[in-house]
Amino acid sequence: MATRVPPQPESVRKLPRQQRSRATVDIIVEAAARVLARRGWAHFTTNETASTAGVSIGSIYQYFPNKLSLAEEIRKRHLDAVLAAIVVPDESDASITLEQRAAALIDGVVAAHSVDQRLHRVLLDEVPLAARSAQDAFEAEYLRRYQAVIEAAAGRLNSESDGIAARVLSGAVEGVVHAAARHGELQSPVLRAELIGLACAYLRSLSGH
């Protein structure tokens, strides 16, 4: 579990408003992600990031006051990618089977964590959490997507227990996926089949089928 530190007064020093500035920030963040994945948090530096990005160190500090704020931007983009990968099937479409809903959920979670497994391990285990609000917003939306799958499978809406069920299912899936990411096993078809089976069994227990 990542170490929590008090929120920093600054995250991004200057917001990039022009297209050229946004492109510069993208180059910096992409280079920083490569350096962070390669070096780990302890040896992650803005100097190496600048060299990798082909920009001056001043260009980095124009937008990011310190390396933690830069890592937070990397984390934010990673969390956005996680949410984008988890596409929940239309819950009103009766033609979608429970197995298809479970497979879509599992494939989305695995895909989100497969982009750069080394980077994911560093973000998960080493980088301190500076901004709790962004993490809270992510977790709320993440659980909402799980809850949508649960509501569709159980044939009910806004049940008081669905929120807890979403936490139980997401916790089970996350535990397996995070462990697999650490061991480089995310692409295992056996793992996929087992996770889909786990999700289906839990969803059936909720629906009473």
Protein backbone atom coordinates (compact mmCIF):
# COMPACT_ATOMS: atom_id res chain seq x y z
CA MET A 1 0.00 0.00 0.00
CA ALA A 2 1.32 3.45 -0.93
CA THR A 3 2.39 5.76 1.91
CA ARG A 4 0.09 8.74 2.46
CA VAL A 5 1.53 12.19 3.01
CA PRO A 6 -0.26 15.48 3.72
CA PRO A 7 -1.71 17.20 0.63
CA GLN A 8 0.72 19.53 -1.08
CA PRO A 9 -0.24 23.19 -1.60
CA GLU A 10 0.58 22.90 -5.30
CA SER A 11 0.17 20.15 -7.85
CA VAL A 12 0.51 21.74 -11.25
CA ARG A 13 2.28 25.10 -11.02
CA LYS A 14 0.95 26.48 -14.30
CA LEU A 15 -1.99 25.15 -16.30
CA PRO A 16 -1.11 24.61 -19.97
CA ARG A 17 -3.67 26.55 -22.01
CA GLN A 18 -2.15 26.75 -25.47
CA GLN A 19 -1.83 23.72 -27.71
CA ARG A 20 1.96 23.98 -27.71
CA SER A 21 2.05 24.13 -23.92
CA ARG A 22 -0.27 21.13 -23.63
CA ALA A 23 1.96 19.21 -26.04
CA THR A 24 4.99 20.07 -23.90
CA VAL A 25 3.26 18.84 -20.75
CA ASP A 26 2.27 15.62 -22.51
CA ILE A 27 5.89 15.02 -23.56
CA ILE A 28 7.09 15.69 -20.00
CA VAL A 29 4.52 13.39 -18.40
CA GLU A 30 5.12 10.57 -20.89
CA ALA A 31 8.89 10.81 -20.33
CA ALA A 32 8.38 10.94 -16.56
CA ALA A 33 6.25 7.79 -16.70
CA ARG A 34 9.04 5.95 -18.52
CA VAL A 35 11.63 7.11 -16.02
CA LEU A 36 9.42 6.29 -13.03
CA ALA A 37 8.73 2.78 -14.34
CA ARG A 38 12.42 2.19 -15.02
CA ARG A 39 13.95 3.74 -11.91
CA GLY A 40 11.27 3.41 -9.25
CA TRP A 41 10.18 6.20 -6.91
CA ALA A 42 13.41 6.34 -4.89
CA HIS A 43 15.55 7.07 -7.98
CA PHE A 44 12.98 9.06 -9.95
CA THR A 45 14.32 12.56 -10.70
CA THR A 46 13.20 15.60 -12.61
CA ASN A 47 16.70 15.89 -14.11
CA GLU A 48 16.47 12.50 -15.80
CA THR A 49 12.90 13.27 -16.83
CA ALA A 50 14.06 16.48 -18.52
CA SER A 51 16.83 14.63 -20.33
CA THR A 52 14.46 11.87 -21.47
CA ALA A 53 11.84 14.39 -22.63
CA GLY A 54 14.42 16.56 -24.40
CA VAL A 55 13.40 19.68 -22.48
CA SER A 56 15.13 21.93 -19.98
CA ILE A 57 14.70 21.39 -16.25
CA GLY A 58 13.11 24.84 -16.18
CA SER A 59 10.37 23.63 -18.52
CA ILE A 60 9.42 20.97 -16.00
CA TYR A 61 9.34 23.38 -13.06
CA GLN A 62 7.26 25.76 -15.12
CA TYR A 63 4.42 23.25 -14.81
CA PHE A 64 5.34 20.98 -11.89
CA PRO A 65 6.79 22.33 -8.61
CA ASN A 66 8.34 19.01 -7.55
CA LYS A 67 8.63 15.37 -8.52
CA LEU A 68 5.64 14.37 -6.38
CA SER A 69 3.35 16.69 -8.34
CA LEU A 70 4.69 15.14 -11.54
CA ALA A 71 4.03 11.64 -10.20
CA GLU A 72 0.52 12.71 -9.23
CA GLU A 73 -0.17 13.73 -12.83
CA ILE A 74 1.09 10.32 -13.98
CA ARG A 75 -1.22 8.66 -11.43
CA LYS A 76 -4.18 10.78 -12.52
CA ARG A 77 -3.72 9.79 -16.16
CA HIS A 78 -3.39 6.16 -15.12
CA LEU A 79 -6.65 6.32 -13.16
CA ASP A 80 -8.38 7.98 -16.12
CA ALA A 81 -7.16 5.11 -18.31
CA VAL A 82 -8.56 2.59 -15.81
CA LEU A 83 -12.02 4.19 -15.97
CA ALA A 84 -11.91 4.47 -19.75
CA ALA A 85 -11.13 0.77 -20.05
CA ILE A 86 -14.04 -0.35 -17.88
CA VAL A 87 -16.96 -0.15 -20.30
CA VAL A 88 -20.16 -1.30 -18.64
CA PRO A 89 -22.68 -2.89 -21.06
CA ASP A 90 -26.09 -1.22 -21.33
CA GLU A 91 -27.93 -2.47 -18.26
CA SER A 92 -31.29 -2.20 -20.06
CA ASP A 93 -30.20 -4.58 -22.83
CA ALA A 94 -31.75 -7.92 -21.90
CA SER A 95 -29.84 -9.72 -24.66
CA ILE A 96 -26.53 -9.33 -22.80
CA THR A 97 -25.88 -12.38 -20.65
CA LEU A 98 -24.46 -12.35 -17.16
CA GLU A 99 -21.31 -14.03 -18.49
CA GLN A 100 -20.88 -11.26 -21.09
CA ARG A 101 -21.26 -8.56 -18.45
CA ALA A 102 -18.70 -10.27 -16.22
CA ALA A 103 -16.29 -10.76 -19.13
CA ALA A 104 -16.57 -7.11 -20.20
CA LEU A 105 -15.83 -5.97 -16.65
CA ILE A 106 -12.85 -8.30 -16.17
CA ASP A 107 -11.39 -7.56 -19.61
CA GLY A 108 -11.65 -3.83 -18.92
CA VAL A 109 -9.90 -4.03 -15.58
CA VAL A 110 -7.15 -6.25 -16.96
CA ALA A 111 -6.67 -4.02 -20.02
CA ALA A 112 -6.34 -0.93 -17.82
CA HIS A 113 -3.60 -2.56 -15.77
CA SER A 114 -1.77 -4.04 -18.75
CA VAL A 115 -0.60 -0.80 -20.39
CA ASP A 116 2.61 -0.65 -18.37
CA GLN A 117 2.78 -3.21 -15.59
CA ARG A 118 6.11 -1.92 -14.25
CA LEU A 119 4.68 1.59 -13.92
CA HIS A 120 1.57 0.24 -12.25
CA ARG A 121 3.64 -1.62 -9.65
CA VAL A 122 5.60 1.56 -8.82
CA LEU A 123 2.44 3.68 -8.55
CA LEU A 124 0.78 1.06 -6.38
CA ASP A 125 3.65 0.21 -4.04
CA GLU A 126 6.06 3.15 -3.95
CA VAL A 127 4.69 6.57 -4.87
CA PRO A 128 3.15 8.49 -1.91
CA LEU A 129 -0.44 9.68 -2.19
CA ALA A 130 -0.48 13.47 -2.11
CA ALA A 131 -4.02 14.37 -3.19
CA ARG A 132 -6.79 12.37 -1.51
CA SER A 133 -9.62 14.19 -3.32
CA ALA A 134 -8.64 12.89 -6.76
CA GLN A 135 -8.38 9.35 -5.43
CA ASP A 136 -11.79 9.65 -3.76
CA ALA A 137 -13.41 10.85 -6.99
CA PHE A 138 -11.85 7.98 -8.89
CA GLU A 139 -12.98 5.39 -6.36
CA ALA A 140 -16.55 6.71 -6.41
CA GLU A 141 -16.78 6.41 -10.20
CA TYR A 142 -14.97 3.08 -10.18
CA LEU A 143 -17.45 1.62 -7.70
CA ARG A 144 -20.36 3.13 -9.63
CA ARG A 145 -19.37 1.05 -12.64
CA TYR A 146 -19.19 -2.12 -10.58
CA GLN A 147 -22.54 -1.27 -9.04
CA ALA A 148 -24.10 -0.87 -12.50
CA VAL A 149 -23.02 -4.42 -13.36
CA ILE A 150 -24.42 -5.69 -10.06
CA GLU A 151 -27.75 -3.91 -10.50
CA ALA A 152 -28.14 -5.27 -14.03
CA ALA A 153 -27.31 -8.82 -12.95
CA ALA A 154 -29.54 -8.71 -9.86
CA GLY A 155 -32.44 -7.05 -11.68
CA ARG A 156 -32.81 -4.29 -9.12
CA LEU A 157 -31.93 -0.63 -8.73
CA ASN A 158 -30.67 1.42 -5.80
CA SER A 159 -30.67 -1.43 -3.34
CA GLU A 160 -28.94 -0.43 -0.09
CA SER A 161 -26.77 -3.52 -0.30
CA ASP A 162 -25.58 -2.93 -3.86
CA GLY A 163 -22.95 -0.42 -2.80
CA ILE A 164 -21.46 -2.93 -0.39
CA ALA A 165 -21.68 -5.66 -3.03
CA ALA A 166 -19.77 -3.41 -5.43
CA ARG A 167 -17.00 -3.03 -2.86
CA VAL A 168 -16.85 -6.77 -2.26
CA LEU A 169 -16.63 -7.63 -5.96
CA SER A 170 -14.17 -4.83 -6.81
CA GLY A 171 -11.99 -5.78 -3.85
CA ALA A 172 -11.88 -9.41 -4.94
CA VAL A 173 -11.09 -8.55 -8.57
CA GLU A 174 -8.53 -5.88 -7.64
CA GLY A 175 -6.71 -8.22 -5.27
CA VAL A 176 -6.24 -10.83 -7.99
CA VAL A 177 -5.40 -8.29 -10.71
CA HIS A 178 -2.87 -6.42 -8.58
CA ALA A 179 -1.16 -9.66 -7.59
CA ALA A 180 -1.08 -10.77 -11.22
CA ALA A 181 0.37 -7.41 -12.27
CA ARG A 182 3.19 -7.79 -9.76
CA HIS A 183 4.03 -11.22 -11.18
CA GLY A 184 3.56 -10.37 -14.85
CA GLU A 185 0.60 -12.74 -15.22
CA LEU A 186 -2.15 -10.40 -16.40
CA GLN A 187 -2.35 -11.96 -19.87
CA SER A 188 -2.91 -15.48 -18.57
CA PRO A 189 -6.08 -16.98 -20.16
CA VAL A 190 -6.46 -19.22 -17.10
CA LEU A 191 -6.46 -16.16 -14.84
CA ARG A 192 -9.09 -14.48 -17.05
CA ALA A 193 -11.33 -17.55 -16.97
CA GLU A 194 -11.04 -17.86 -13.19
CA LEU A 195 -11.83 -14.17 -12.64
CA ILE A 196 -14.87 -14.31 -14.92
CA GLY A 197 -16.03 -17.45 -13.09
CA LEU A 198 -15.59 -15.69 -9.74
CA ALA A 199 -17.56 -12.65 -10.89
CA CYS A 200 -20.33 -14.78 -12.40
CA ALA A 201 -20.69 -16.86 -9.25
CA TYR A 202 -20.96 -13.75 -7.09
CA LEU A 203 -23.42 -12.05 -9.44
CA ARG A 204 -25.60 -15.18 -9.55
CA SER A 205 -25.66 -15.29 -5.76
CA LEU A 206 -27.01 -11.72 -5.76
CA SER A 207 -29.67 -12.46 -8.34
CA GLY A 208 -30.77 -15.66 -6.61
CA HIS A 209 -30.20 -17.77 -9.75
